Amino acid sequence: MLLDDAEIGRIAATHGKTTAQVTLRWHIQRGHIIFPKSMHRERMQENLEIFDFELSAEEMATLDGLDKGEPGRTGPNPDTMTPRL
């Protein structure tokens, strides 16, 4: 699972954040739109606490390097999926 990745864990520890927060921050810095979902108050708060740190260029490159391409995809490819209306 992505959130168990050792590299993400190392980066998270450096910033005193969770692996989920680092992953969300990576998306924000990439300019992606994110829709974090949780029914748990503590996780909702955690999801909001991604704006008080920034990943370095080296950390971003490390996270970019984790991409396993299409074989590593766990959900539909947004480039090829049929939108639901």
PDB file of N, CA and C in Angstrom:
ATOM      1  N   MET A   1       0.838  -1.175   0.000  1.00  0.00           N
ATOM      2  CA  MET A   1       0.000   0.000   0.000  1.00  0.00           C
ATOM      3  C   MET A   1       0.887   1.244   0.000  1.00  0.00           C
ATOM      4  N   LEU A   2       0.453   2.262  -0.711  1.00  0.00           N
ATOM      5  CA  LEU A   2       1.225   3.488  -0.861  1.00  0.00           C
ATOM      6  C   LEU A   2       1.591   4.123   0.471  1.00  0.00           C
ATOM      7  N   LEU A   3       0.658   4.155   1.401  1.00  0.00           N
ATOM      8  CA  LEU A   3       0.914   4.823   2.672  1.00  0.00           C
ATOM      9  C   LEU A   3       1.893   4.065   3.559  1.00  0.00           C
ATOM     10  N   ASP A   4       2.247   2.844   3.175  1.00  0.00           N
ATOM     11  CA  ASP A   4       3.232   2.057   3.914  1.00  0.00           C
ATOM     12  C   ASP A   4       4.619   2.154   3.295  1.00  0.00           C
ATOM     13  N   ASP A   5       4.776   2.931   2.233  1.00  0.00           N
ATOM     14  CA  ASP A   5       6.046   3.034   1.531  1.00  0.00           C
ATOM     15  C   ASP A   5       7.113   3.650   2.445  1.00  0.00           C
ATOM     16  N   ALA A   6       8.297   3.033   2.470  1.00  0.00           N
ATOM     17  CA  ALA A   6       9.383   3.479   3.351  1.00  0.00           C
ATOM     18  C   ALA A   6       9.861   4.883   3.013  1.00  0.00           C
ATOM     19  N   GLU A   7       9.942   5.232   1.741  1.00  0.00           N
ATOM     20  CA  GLU A   7      10.394   6.570   1.347  1.00  0.00           C
ATOM     21  C   GLU A   7       9.406   7.638   1.801  1.00  0.00           C
ATOM     22  N   ILE A   8       8.124   7.365   1.630  1.00  0.00           N
ATOM     23  CA  ILE A   8       7.113   8.323   2.084  1.00  0.00           C
ATOM     24  C   ILE A   8       7.186   8.446   3.606  1.00  0.00           C
ATOM     25  N   GLY A   9       7.391   7.323   4.282  1.00  0.00           N
ATOM     26  CA  GLY A   9       7.531   7.334   5.735  1.00  0.00           C
ATOM     27  C   GLY A   9       8.717   8.151   6.203  1.00  0.00           C
ATOM     28  N   ARG A  10       9.833   8.057   5.474  1.00  0.00           N
ATOM     29  CA  ARG A  10      11.034   8.826   5.823  1.00  0.00           C
ATOM     30  C   ARG A  10      10.768  10.324   5.671  1.00  0.00           C
ATOM     31  N   ILE A  11      10.145  10.688   4.566  1.00  0.00           N
ATOM     32  CA  ILE A  11       9.829  12.105   4.328  1.00  0.00           C
ATOM     33  C   ILE A  11       8.839  12.612   5.378  1.00  0.00           C
ATOM     34  N   ALA A  12       7.840  11.804   5.692  1.00  0.00           N
ATOM     35  CA  ALA A  12       6.852  12.181   6.704  1.00  0.00           C
ATOM     36  C   ALA A  12       7.525  12.421   8.053  1.00  0.00           C
ATOM     37  N   ALA A  13       8.427  11.539   8.439  1.00  0.00           N
ATOM     38  CA  ALA A  13       9.125  11.681   9.718  1.00  0.00           C
ATOM     39  C   ALA A  13       9.949  12.964   9.756  1.00  0.00           C
ATOM     40  N   THR A  14      10.555  13.320   8.641  1.00  0.00           N
ATOM     41  CA  THR A  14      11.353  14.544   8.552  1.00  0.00           C
ATOM     42  C   THR A  14      10.506  15.778   8.869  1.00  0.00           C
ATOM     43  N   HIS A  15       9.253  15.759   8.431  1.00  0.00           N
ATOM     44  CA  HIS A  15       8.368  16.907   8.607  1.00  0.00           C
ATOM     45  C   HIS A  15       7.449  16.781   9.819  1.00  0.00           C
ATOM     46  N   GLY A  16       7.496  15.642  10.511  1.00  0.00           N
ATOM     47  CA  GLY A  16       6.594  15.424  11.634  1.00  0.00           C
ATOM     48  C   GLY A  16       5.152  15.284  11.174  1.00  0.00           C
ATOM     49  N   LYS A  17       4.966  14.673  10.021  1.00  0.00           N
ATOM     50  CA  LYS A  17       3.648  14.507   9.413  1.00  0.00           C
ATOM     51  C   LYS A  17       3.386  13.027   9.176  1.00  0.00           C
ATOM     52  N   THR A  18       2.168  12.712   8.782  1.00  0.00           N
ATOM     53  CA  THR A  18       1.825  11.330   8.445  1.00  0.00           C
ATOM     54  C   THR A  18       2.119  11.105   6.967  1.00  0.00           C
ATOM     55  N   THR A  19       2.150   9.844   6.576  1.00  0.00           N
ATOM     56  CA  THR A  19       2.365   9.535   5.161  1.00  0.00           C
ATOM     57  C   THR A  19       1.192  10.043   4.319  1.00  0.00           C
ATOM     58  N   ALA A  20      -0.010  10.032   4.868  1.00  0.00           N
ATOM     59  CA  ALA A  20      -1.169  10.562   4.143  1.00  0.00           C
ATOM     60  C   ALA A  20      -1.001  12.059   3.905  1.00  0.00           C
ATOM     61  N   GLN A  21      -0.527  12.784   4.907  1.00  0.00           N
ATOM     62  CA  GLN A  21      -0.323  14.223   4.744  1.00  0.00           C
ATOM     63  C   GLN A  21       0.739  14.517   3.684  1.00  0.00           C
ATOM     64  N   VAL A  22       1.801  13.747   3.677  1.00  0.00           N
ATOM     65  CA  VAL A  22       2.850  13.938   2.670  1.00  0.00           C
ATOM     66  C   VAL A  22       2.292  13.658   1.278  1.00  0.00           C
ATOM     67  N   THR A  23       1.510  12.618   1.142  1.00  0.00           N
ATOM     68  CA  THR A  23       0.920  12.274  -0.154  1.00  0.00           C
ATOM     69  C   THR A  23      -0.020  13.382  -0.629  1.00  0.00           C
ATOM     70  N   LEU A  24      -0.854  13.890   0.262  1.00  0.00           N
ATOM     71  CA  LEU A  24      -1.752  14.990  -0.098  1.00  0.00           C
ATOM     72  C   LEU A  24      -0.954  16.242  -0.472  1.00  0.00           C
ATOM     73  N   ARG A  25       0.101  16.520   0.288  1.00  0.00           N
ATOM     74  CA  ARG A  25       0.935  17.695   0.013  1.00  0.00           C
ATOM     75  C   ARG A  25       1.597  17.574  -1.355  1.00  0.00           C
ATOM     76  N   TRP A  26       2.060  16.375  -1.702  1.00  0.00           N
ATOM     77  CA  TRP A  26       2.670  16.139  -3.017  1.00  0.00           C
ATOM     78  C   TRP A  26       1.680  16.503  -4.108  1.00  0.00           C
ATOM     79  N   HIS A  27       0.428  16.056  -3.956  1.00  0.00           N
ATOM     80  CA  HIS A  27      -0.596  16.375  -4.948  1.00  0.00           C
ATOM     81  C   HIS A  27      -0.811  17.892  -5.047  1.00  0.00           C
ATOM     82  N   ILE A  28      -0.903  18.571  -3.914  1.00  0.00           N
ATOM     83  CA  ILE A  28      -1.113  20.021  -3.900  1.00  0.00           C
ATOM     84  C   ILE A  28       0.034  20.733  -4.616  1.00  0.00           C
ATOM     85  N   GLN A  29       1.257  20.336  -4.306  1.00  0.00           N
ATOM     86  CA  GLN A  29       2.408  20.982  -4.937  1.00  0.00           C
ATOM     87  C   GLN A  29       2.494  20.681  -6.427  1.00  0.00           C
ATOM     88  N   ARG A  30       1.911  19.598  -6.861  1.00  0.00           N
ATOM     89  CA  ARG A  30       1.857  19.250  -8.282  1.00  0.00           C
ATOM     90  C   ARG A  30       0.718  20.000  -8.987  1.00  0.00           C
ATOM     91  N   GLY A  31      -0.133  20.672  -8.206  1.00  0.00           N
ATOM     92  CA  GLY A  31      -1.245  21.405  -8.790  1.00  0.00           C
ATOM     93  C   GLY A  31      -2.466  20.547  -9.052  1.00  0.00           C
ATOM     94  N   HIS A  32      -2.500  19.356  -8.445  1.00  0.00           N
ATOM     95  CA  HIS A  32      -3.639  18.460  -8.606  1.00  0.00           C
ATOM     96  C   HIS A  32      -4.794  18.905  -7.715  1.00  0.00           C
ATOM     97  N   ILE A  33      -5.980  18.592  -8.144  1.00  0.00           N
ATOM     98  CA  ILE A  33      -7.163  18.805  -7.313  1.00  0.00           C
ATOM     99  C   ILE A  33      -7.361  17.536  -6.496  1.00  0.00           C
ATOM    100  N   ILE A  34      -7.520  17.689  -5.199  1.00  0.00           N
ATOM    101  CA  ILE A  34      -7.685  16.510  -4.333  1.00  0.00           C
ATOM    102  C   ILE A  34      -9.021  16.592  -3.609  1.00  0.00           C
ATOM    103  N   PHE A  35      -9.575  15.427  -3.348  1.00  0.00           N
ATOM    104  CA  PHE A  35     -10.817  15.302  -2.596  1.00  0.00           C
ATOM    105  C   PHE A  35     -10.602  14.269  -1.488  1.00  0.00           C
ATOM    106  N   PRO A  36      -9.876  14.654  -0.417  1.00  0.00           N
ATOM    107  CA  PRO A  36      -9.690  13.690   0.666  1.00  0.00           C
ATOM    108  C   PRO A  36     -11.025  13.403   1.347  1.00  0.00           C
ATOM    109  N   LYS A  37     -11.229  12.157   1.683  1.00  0.00           N
ATOM    110  CA  LYS A  37     -12.494  11.752   2.287  1.00  0.00           C
ATOM    111  C   LYS A  37     -12.232  11.062   3.617  1.00  0.00           C
ATOM    112  N   SER A  38     -13.000  11.427   4.595  1.00  0.00           N
ATOM    113  CA  SER A  38     -12.945  10.742   5.876  1.00  0.00           C
ATOM    114  C   SER A  38     -14.224  11.017   6.647  1.00  0.00           C
ATOM    115  N   MET A  39     -14.607  10.066   7.451  1.00  0.00           N
ATOM    116  CA  MET A  39     -15.751  10.231   8.345  1.00  0.00           C
ATOM    117  C   MET A  39     -15.264  10.458   9.782  1.00  0.00           C
ATOM    118  N   HIS A  40     -13.936  10.452   9.958  1.00  0.00           N
ATOM    119  CA  HIS A  40     -13.342  10.576  11.288  1.00  0.00           C
ATOM    120  C   HIS A  40     -12.824  11.993  11.501  1.00  0.00           C
ATOM    121  N   ARG A  41     -13.278  12.610  12.573  1.00  0.00           N
ATOM    122  CA  ARG A  41     -12.907  14.002  12.850  1.00  0.00           C
ATOM    123  C   ARG A  41     -11.390  14.208  12.871  1.00  0.00           C
ATOM    124  N   GLU A  42     -10.658  13.313  13.513  1.00  0.00           N
ATOM    125  CA  GLU A  42      -9.204  13.486  13.621  1.00  0.00           C
ATOM    126  C   GLU A  42      -8.527  13.412  12.253  1.00  0.00           C
ATOM    127  N   ARG A  43      -9.036  12.586  11.365  1.00  0.00           N
ATOM    128  CA  ARG A  43      -8.462  12.512  10.022  1.00  0.00           C
ATOM    129  C   ARG A  43      -8.827  13.740   9.197  1.00  0.00           C
ATOM    130  N   MET A  44     -10.037  14.256   9.399  1.00  0.00           N
ATOM    131  CA  MET A  44     -10.431  15.488   8.710  1.00  0.00           C
ATOM    132  C   MET A  44      -9.489  16.623   9.111  1.00  0.00           C
ATOM    133  N   GLN A  45      -9.206  16.725  10.398  1.00  0.00           N
ATOM    134  CA  GLN A  45      -8.278  17.749  10.889  1.00  0.00           C
ATOM    135  C   GLN A  45      -6.891  17.531  10.298  1.00  0.00           C
ATOM    136  N   GLU A  46      -6.457  16.288  10.290  1.00  0.00           N
ATOM    137  CA  GLU A  46      -5.156  15.949   9.724  1.00  0.00           C
ATOM    138  C   GLU A  46      -5.074  16.355   8.249  1.00  0.00           C
ATOM    139  N   ASN A  47      -6.158  16.137   7.515  1.00  0.00           N
ATOM    140  CA  ASN A  47      -6.184  16.496   6.097  1.00  0.00           C
ATOM    141  C   ASN A  47      -6.029  17.998   5.889  1.00  0.00           C
ATOM    142  N   LEU A  48      -6.469  18.795   6.843  1.00  0.00           N
ATOM    143  CA  LEU A  48      -6.338  20.248   6.742  1.00  0.00           C
ATOM    144  C   LEU A  48      -4.938  20.738   7.098  1.00  0.00           C
ATOM    145  N   GLU A  49      -4.167  19.896   7.762  1.00  0.00           N
ATOM    146  CA  GLU A  49      -2.852  20.297   8.242  1.00  0.00           C
ATOM    147  C   GLU A  49      -1.746  19.948   7.243  1.00  0.00           C
ATOM    148  N   ILE A  50      -1.998  20.279   5.988  1.00  0.00           N
ATOM    149  CA  ILE A  50      -0.994  20.032   4.939  1.00  0.00           C
ATOM    150  C   ILE A  50      -0.464  21.337   4.344  1.00  0.00           C
ATOM    151  N   PHE A  51      -0.904  22.448   4.910  1.00  0.00           N
ATOM    152  CA  PHE A  51      -0.507  23.745   4.363  1.00  0.00           C
ATOM    153  C   PHE A  51       0.546  24.450   5.206  1.00  0.00           C
ATOM    154  N   ASP A  52       1.044  23.776   6.242  1.00  0.00           N
ATOM    155  CA  ASP A  52       2.056  24.393   7.098  1.00  0.00           C
ATOM    156  C   ASP A  52       3.453  23.825   6.860  1.00  0.00           C
ATOM    157  N   PHE A  53       3.616  23.115   5.744  1.00  0.00           N
ATOM    158  CA  PHE A  53       4.938  22.627   5.367  1.00  0.00           C
ATOM    159  C   PHE A  53       4.986  22.514   3.854  1.00  0.00           C
ATOM    160  N   GLU A  54       6.199  22.417   3.342  1.00  0.00           N
ATOM    161  CA  GLU A  54       6.386  22.270   1.902  1.00  0.00           C
ATOM    162  C   GLU A  54       7.443  21.203   1.659  1.00  0.00           C
ATOM    163  N   LEU A  55       7.211  20.401   0.649  1.00  0.00           N
ATOM    164  CA  LEU A  55       8.186  19.379   0.272  1.00  0.00           C
ATOM    165  C   LEU A  55       9.271  20.025  -0.573  1.00  0.00           C
ATOM    166  N   SER A  56      10.505  19.630  -0.317  1.00  0.00           N
ATOM    167  CA  SER A  56      11.632  20.172  -1.090  1.00  0.00           C
ATOM    168  C   SER A  56      11.611  19.593  -2.504  1.00  0.00           C
ATOM    169  N   ALA A  57      12.386  20.196  -3.386  1.00  0.00           N
ATOM    170  CA  ALA A  57      12.499  19.693  -4.758  1.00  0.00           C
ATOM    171  C   ALA A  57      13.012  18.257  -4.754  1.00  0.00           C
ATOM    172  N   GLU A  58      13.944  17.959  -3.860  1.00  0.00           N
ATOM    173  CA  GLU A  58      14.480  16.587  -3.758  1.00  0.00           C
ATOM    174  C   GLU A  58      13.405  15.609  -3.296  1.00  0.00           C
ATOM    175  N   GLU A  59      12.611  16.012  -2.303  1.00  0.00           N
ATOM    176  CA  GLU A  59      11.532  15.151  -1.820  1.00  0.00           C
ATOM    177  C   GLU A  59      10.482  14.933  -2.908  1.00  0.00           C
ATOM    178  N   MET A  60      10.166  15.998  -3.636  1.00  0.00           N
ATOM    179  CA  MET A  60       9.202  15.873  -4.735  1.00  0.00           C
ATOM    180  C   MET A  60       9.724  14.889  -5.779  1.00  0.00           C
ATOM    181  N   ALA A  61      10.998  14.993  -6.114  1.00  0.00           N
ATOM    182  CA  ALA A  61      11.602  14.086  -7.095  1.00  0.00           C
ATOM    183  C   ALA A  61      11.567  12.645  -6.594  1.00  0.00           C
ATOM    184  N   THR A  62      11.822  12.451  -5.304  1.00  0.00           N
ATOM    185  CA  THR A  62      11.760  11.102  -4.723  1.00  0.00           C
ATOM    186  C   THR A  62      10.354  10.539  -4.859  1.00  0.00           C
ATOM    187  N   LEU A  63       9.355  11.342  -4.530  1.00  0.00           N
ATOM    188  CA  LEU A  63       7.968  10.889  -4.627  1.00  0.00           C
ATOM    189  C   LEU A  63       7.568  10.663  -6.084  1.00  0.00           C
ATOM    190  N   ASP A  64       8.009  11.530  -6.981  1.00  0.00           N
ATOM    191  CA  ASP A  64       7.737  11.332  -8.410  1.00  0.00           C
ATOM    192  C   ASP A  64       8.299   9.991  -8.883  1.00  0.00           C
ATOM    193  N   GLY A  65       9.447   9.611  -8.338  1.00  0.00           N
ATOM    194  CA  GLY A  65      10.106   8.369  -8.731  1.00  0.00           C
ATOM    195  C   GLY A  65       9.394   7.114  -8.262  1.00  0.00           C
ATOM    196  N   LEU A  66       8.416   7.263  -7.398  1.00  0.00           N
ATOM    197  CA  LEU A  66       7.677   6.093  -6.916  1.00  0.00           C
ATOM    198  C   LEU A  66       6.622   5.617  -7.910  1.00  0.00           C
ATOM    199  N   ASP A  67       6.366   6.408  -8.937  1.00  0.00           N
ATOM    200  CA  ASP A  67       5.349   6.051  -9.938  1.00  0.00           C
ATOM    201  C   ASP A  67       5.728   4.739 -10.616  1.00  0.00           C
ATOM    202  N   LYS A  68       4.842   3.779 -10.569  1.00  0.00           N
ATOM    203  CA  LYS A  68       5.077   2.468 -11.179  1.00  0.00           C
ATOM    204  C   LYS A  68       4.356   2.339 -12.505  1.00  0.00           C
ATOM    205  N   GLY A  69       3.822   3.463 -12.999  1.00  0.00           N
ATOM    206  CA  GLY A  69       3.137   3.441 -14.283  1.00  0.00           C
ATOM    207  C   GLY A  69       1.838   2.663 -14.222  1.00  0.00           C
ATOM    208  N   GLU A  70       1.376   2.277 -15.362  1.00  0.00           N
ATOM    209  CA  GLU A  70       0.087   1.585 -15.465  1.00  0.00           C
ATOM    210  C   GLU A  70       0.043   0.285 -14.655  1.00  0.00           C
ATOM    211  N   PRO A  71       1.118  -0.520 -14.616  1.00  0.00           N
ATOM    212  CA  PRO A  71       1.058  -1.756 -13.808  1.00  0.00           C
ATOM    213  C   PRO A  71       0.862  -1.502 -12.310  1.00  0.00           C
ATOM    214  N   GLY A  72       1.242  -0.318 -11.837  1.00  0.00           N
ATOM    215  CA  GLY A  72       1.105  -0.011 -10.420  1.00  0.00           C
ATOM    216  C   GLY A  72      -0.188   0.697 -10.068  1.00  0.00           C
ATOM    217  N   ARG A  73      -1.026   0.962 -11.054  1.00  0.00           N
ATOM    218  CA  ARG A  73      -2.277   1.688 -10.829  1.00  0.00           C
ATOM    219  C   ARG A  73      -3.254   0.840 -10.022  1.00  0.00           C
ATOM    220  N   THR A  74      -3.896   1.466  -9.039  1.00  0.00           N
ATOM    221  CA  THR A  74      -4.881   0.747  -8.219  1.00  0.00           C
ATOM    222  C   THR A  74      -6.311   1.197  -8.515  1.00  0.00           C
ATOM    223  N   GLY A  75      -6.474   2.162  -9.373  1.00  0.00           N
ATOM    224  CA  GLY A  75      -7.802   2.644  -9.737  1.00  0.00           C
ATOM    225  C   GLY A  75      -7.844   2.934 -11.225  1.00  0.00           C
ATOM    226  N   PRO A  76      -8.956   3.449 -11.700  1.00  0.00           N
ATOM    227  CA  PRO A  76      -9.069   3.730 -13.128  1.00  0.00           C
ATOM    228  C   PRO A  76      -8.114   4.839 -13.558  1.00  0.00           C
ATOM    229  N   ASN A  77      -7.673   4.770 -14.787  1.00  0.00           N
ATOM    230  CA  ASN A  77      -6.802   5.795 -15.343  1.00  0.00           C
ATOM    231  C   ASN A  77      -7.672   6.992 -15.721  1.00  0.00           C
ATOM    232  N   PRO A  78      -7.428   8.154 -15.111  1.00  0.00           N
ATOM    233  CA  PRO A  78      -8.281   9.315 -15.404  1.00  0.00           C
ATOM    234  C   PRO A  78      -8.170   9.791 -16.853  1.00  0.00           C
ATOM    235  N   ASP A  79      -7.119   9.400 -17.546  1.00  0.00           N
ATOM    236  CA  ASP A  79      -6.943   9.796 -18.935  1.00  0.00           C
ATOM    237  C   ASP A  79      -7.791   8.961 -19.896  1.00  0.00           C
ATOM    238  N   THR A  80      -8.213   7.776 -19.450  1.00  0.00           N
ATOM    239  CA  THR A  80      -8.923   6.884 -20.355  1.00  0.00           C
ATOM    240  C   THR A  80     -10.306   6.446 -19.868  1.00  0.00           C
ATOM    241  N   MET A  81     -10.684   6.824 -18.651  1.00  0.00           N
ATOM    242  CA  MET A  81     -11.960   6.386 -18.126  1.00  0.00           C
ATOM    243  C   MET A  81     -13.122   7.177 -18.739  1.00  0.00           C
ATOM    244  N   THR A  82     -14.269   6.565 -18.775  1.00  0.00           N
ATOM    245  CA  THR A  82     -15.469   7.214 -19.285  1.00  0.00           C
ATOM    246  C   THR A  82     -16.107   8.012 -18.158  1.00  0.00           C
ATOM    247  N   PRO A  83     -16.297   9.311 -18.349  1.00  0.00           N
ATOM    248  CA  PRO A  83     -16.893  10.110 -17.270  1.00  0.00           C
ATOM    249  C   PRO A  83     -18.346   9.739 -17.039  1.00  0.00           C
ATOM    250  N   ARG A  84     -18.749   9.816 -15.780  1.00  0.00           N
ATOM    251  CA  ARG A  84     -20.147   9.594 -15.418  1.00  0.00           C
ATOM    252  C   ARG A  84     -20.835  10.944 -15.379  1.00  0.00           C
ATOM    253  N   LEU A  85     -21.961  11.023 -15.989  1.00  0.00           N
ATOM    254  CA  LEU A  85     -22.709  12.290 -15.971  1.00  0.00           C
ATOM    255  C   LEU A  85     -23.978  12.153 -15.174  1.00  0.00           C
TER     256      LEU A  85
END
